[in-house]
Amino acid sequence: METDLTLNHFLMISGLLFAIGLAGVLVRRNIIVIFMCLELMLAAANLSLVAFSRFGGENGMPNYDGQVLLFFIITVAAAEVAVGLAIIVALFRTRETTDVSDVTSMKN
């Protein structure tokens, strides 16, 4: 039993992941869950980038430019996670909450 995965399959999964992440950002109130949903949206964008890179080649050969770009995006995302989590921990230490509605201003 052989299944042929096309670009449409990857884009549908990427769109579904992005929609789940967007719904999580809009609906949830916990800042950590919002942060995870943002990372899910970034992963969906990465999936579509790799899918376009794989299926957008010439003469049946894949174009690896998108996959090389993906490594740079993952590196920036790792730095973003470190800085983002540090900000969330500092916010929790000062306000003692992770609810977004309780954090309305930048001053103590």
C-alpha atoms as a PDB file:
ATOM      1  CA  MET A   1       0.000   0.000   0.000  1.00  0.00           C
ATOM      2  CA  GLU A   2       1.726   3.138  -1.217  1.00  0.00           C
ATOM      3  CA  THR A   3       0.588   6.638  -0.433  1.00  0.00           C
ATOM      4  CA  ASP A   4       1.771   9.645  -2.369  1.00  0.00           C
ATOM      5  CA  LEU A   5       2.158  12.711  -0.222  1.00  0.00           C
ATOM      6  CA  THR A   6       1.770  15.910  -2.154  1.00  0.00           C
ATOM      7  CA  LEU A   7       2.400  19.539  -1.351  1.00  0.00           C
ATOM      8  CA  ASN A   8      -1.282  19.952  -0.517  1.00  0.00           C
ATOM      9  CA  HIS A   9      -1.047  17.381   2.290  1.00  0.00           C
ATOM     10  CA  PHE A  10       1.815  19.227   3.943  1.00  0.00           C
ATOM     11  CA  LEU A  11       0.153  22.608   3.518  1.00  0.00           C
ATOM     12  CA  MET A  12      -3.099  21.354   5.014  1.00  0.00           C
ATOM     13  CA  ILE A  13      -1.277  20.021   8.080  1.00  0.00           C
ATOM     14  CA  SER A  14       0.693  23.255   8.323  1.00  0.00           C
ATOM     15  CA  GLY A  15      -2.503  25.297   8.098  1.00  0.00           C
ATOM     16  CA  LEU A  16      -4.159  23.131  10.746  1.00  0.00           C
ATOM     17  CA  LEU A  17      -1.200  23.560  13.113  1.00  0.00           C
ATOM     18  CA  PHE A  18      -1.192  27.297  12.498  1.00  0.00           C
ATOM     19  CA  ALA A  19      -4.944  27.528  13.139  1.00  0.00           C
ATOM     20  CA  ILE A  20      -4.612  25.584  16.404  1.00  0.00           C
ATOM     21  CA  GLY A  21      -1.792  27.892  17.488  1.00  0.00           C
ATOM     22  CA  LEU A  22      -3.743  31.006  16.548  1.00  0.00           C
ATOM     23  CA  ALA A  23      -6.817  29.776  18.416  1.00  0.00           C
ATOM     24  CA  GLY A  24      -4.658  29.096  21.456  1.00  0.00           C
ATOM     25  CA  VAL A  25      -3.186  32.598  21.365  1.00  0.00           C
ATOM     26  CA  LEU A  26      -6.606  34.215  21.052  1.00  0.00           C
ATOM     27  CA  VAL A  27      -8.483  32.060  23.577  1.00  0.00           C
ATOM     28  CA  ARG A  28      -6.054  31.168  26.360  1.00  0.00           C
ATOM     29  CA  ARG A  29      -5.112  33.510  29.210  1.00  0.00           C
ATOM     30  CA  ASN A  30      -2.032  31.753  30.592  1.00  0.00           C
ATOM     31  CA  ILE A  31       1.128  33.378  29.263  1.00  0.00           C
ATOM     32  CA  ILE A  32       3.027  30.081  29.114  1.00  0.00           C
ATOM     33  CA  VAL A  33       0.307  28.440  27.006  1.00  0.00           C
ATOM     34  CA  ILE A  34       0.247  31.498  24.734  1.00  0.00           C
ATOM     35  CA  PHE A  35       4.008  31.209  24.349  1.00  0.00           C
ATOM     36  CA  MET A  36       3.702  27.504  23.416  1.00  0.00           C
ATOM     37  CA  CYS A  37       0.992  28.345  20.877  1.00  0.00           C
ATOM     38  CA  LEU A  38       3.267  30.945  19.302  1.00  0.00           C
ATOM     39  CA  GLU A  39       5.935  28.270  18.984  1.00  0.00           C
ATOM     40  CA  LEU A  40       3.361  25.974  17.366  1.00  0.00           C
ATOM     41  CA  MET A  41       2.617  28.689  14.820  1.00  0.00           C
ATOM     42  CA  LEU A  42       6.336  29.027  14.114  1.00  0.00           C
ATOM     43  CA  ALA A  43       6.596  25.259  13.617  1.00  0.00           C
ATOM     44  CA  ALA A  44       3.696  25.402  11.141  1.00  0.00           C
ATOM     45  CA  ALA A  45       5.484  28.096   9.164  1.00  0.00           C
ATOM     46  CA  ASN A  46       8.648  25.983   9.196  1.00  0.00           C
ATOM     47  CA  LEU A  47       6.726  22.965   7.909  1.00  0.00           C
ATOM     48  CA  SER A  48       5.320  24.926   4.997  1.00  0.00           C
ATOM     49  CA  LEU A  49       8.781  26.336   4.228  1.00  0.00           C
ATOM     50  CA  VAL A  50      10.286  22.858   4.059  1.00  0.00           C
ATOM     51  CA  ALA A  51       7.331  21.581   2.011  1.00  0.00           C
ATOM     52  CA  PHE A  52       7.762  24.353  -0.553  1.00  0.00           C
ATOM     53  CA  SER A  53      11.482  23.672  -0.586  1.00  0.00           C
ATOM     54  CA  ARG A  54      10.954  19.961  -1.199  1.00  0.00           C
ATOM     55  CA  PHE A  55       8.259  20.203  -3.844  1.00  0.00           C
ATOM     56  CA  GLY A  56       9.430  23.386  -5.550  1.00  0.00           C
ATOM     57  CA  GLY A  57      12.537  21.958  -7.158  1.00  0.00           C
ATOM     58  CA  GLU A  58      13.466  21.803 -10.805  1.00  0.00           C
ATOM     59  CA  ASN A  59      13.867  18.658 -12.910  1.00  0.00           C
ATOM     60  CA  GLY A  60      12.637  16.464 -10.072  1.00  0.00           C
ATOM     61  CA  MET A  61      15.423  17.604  -7.738  1.00  0.00           C
ATOM     62  CA  PRO A  62      14.537  19.389  -4.484  1.00  0.00           C
ATOM     63  CA  ASN A  63      15.642  22.935  -3.805  1.00  0.00           C
ATOM     64  CA  TYR A  64      17.426  22.950  -0.455  1.00  0.00           C
ATOM     65  CA  ASP A  65      17.409  26.718   0.048  1.00  0.00           C
ATOM     66  CA  GLY A  66      14.302  26.583   2.236  1.00  0.00           C
ATOM     67  CA  GLN A  67      15.741  23.801   4.359  1.00  0.00           C
ATOM     68  CA  VAL A  68      18.961  25.742   4.936  1.00  0.00           C
ATOM     69  CA  LEU A  69      16.872  28.761   5.916  1.00  0.00           C
ATOM     70  CA  LEU A  70      15.037  26.516   8.359  1.00  0.00           C
ATOM     71  CA  PHE A  71      18.231  25.967  10.375  1.00  0.00           C
ATOM     72  CA  PHE A  72      18.620  29.717  10.807  1.00  0.00           C
ATOM     73  CA  ILE A  73      14.974  30.002  11.872  1.00  0.00           C
ATOM     74  CA  ILE A  74      15.444  27.206  14.429  1.00  0.00           C
ATOM     75  CA  THR A  75      18.521  28.981  15.821  1.00  0.00           C
ATOM     76  CA  VAL A  76      16.612  32.249  16.210  1.00  0.00           C
ATOM     77  CA  ALA A  77      13.668  30.353  17.748  1.00  0.00           C
ATOM     78  CA  ALA A  78      15.978  28.768  20.330  1.00  0.00           C
ATOM     79  CA  ALA A  79      17.242  32.198  21.343  1.00  0.00           C
ATOM     80  CA  GLU A  80      13.654  33.462  21.421  1.00  0.00           C
ATOM     81  CA  VAL A  81      12.636  30.642  23.740  1.00  0.00           C
ATOM     82  CA  ALA A  82      15.489  31.407  26.124  1.00  0.00           C
ATOM     83  CA  VAL A  83      14.697  35.121  26.257  1.00  0.00           C
ATOM     84  CA  GLY A  84      10.934  34.583  26.343  1.00  0.00           C
ATOM     85  CA  LEU A  85      11.075  32.112  29.204  1.00  0.00           C
ATOM     86  CA  ALA A  86      13.416  34.409  31.127  1.00  0.00           C
ATOM     87  CA  ILE A  87      10.906  37.245  30.738  1.00  0.00           C
ATOM     88  CA  ILE A  88       8.039  34.983  31.811  1.00  0.00           C
ATOM     89  CA  VAL A  89       9.953  33.814  34.906  1.00  0.00           C
ATOM     90  CA  ALA A  90      10.842  37.418  35.831  1.00  0.00           C
ATOM     91  CA  LEU A  91       7.217  38.441  35.344  1.00  0.00           C
ATOM     92  CA  PHE A  92       6.031  35.581  37.527  1.00  0.00           C
ATOM     93  CA  ARG A  93       8.486  36.494  40.266  1.00  0.00           C
ATOM     94  CA  THR A  94       7.333  40.110  40.392  1.00  0.00           C
ATOM     95  CA  ARG A  95       3.583  39.683  39.811  1.00  0.00           C
ATOM     96  CA  GLU A  96       3.150  36.088  41.075  1.00  0.00           C
ATOM     97  CA  THR A  97       0.745  35.303  38.240  1.00  0.00           C
ATOM     98  CA  THR A  98       0.841  33.987  34.693  1.00  0.00           C
ATOM     99  CA  ASP A  99      -2.592  35.302  33.751  1.00  0.00           C
ATOM    100  CA  VAL A 100      -2.428  37.809  30.913  1.00  0.00           C
ATOM    101  CA  SER A 101      -5.361  39.866  32.161  1.00  0.00           C
ATOM    102  CA  ASP A 102      -3.555  40.565  35.452  1.00  0.00           C
ATOM    103  CA  VAL A 103      -0.531  41.976  33.651  1.00  0.00           C
ATOM    104  CA  THR A 104      -1.806  45.211  32.147  1.00  0.00           C
ATOM    105  CA  SER A 105       1.058  47.639  32.669  1.00  0.00           C
ATOM    106  CA  MET A 106       4.848  47.588  32.642  1.00  0.00           C
ATOM    107  CA  LYS A 107       5.302  49.246  36.024  1.00  0.00           C
ATOM    108  CA  ASN A 108       5.348  47.440  39.389  1.00  0.00           C
END
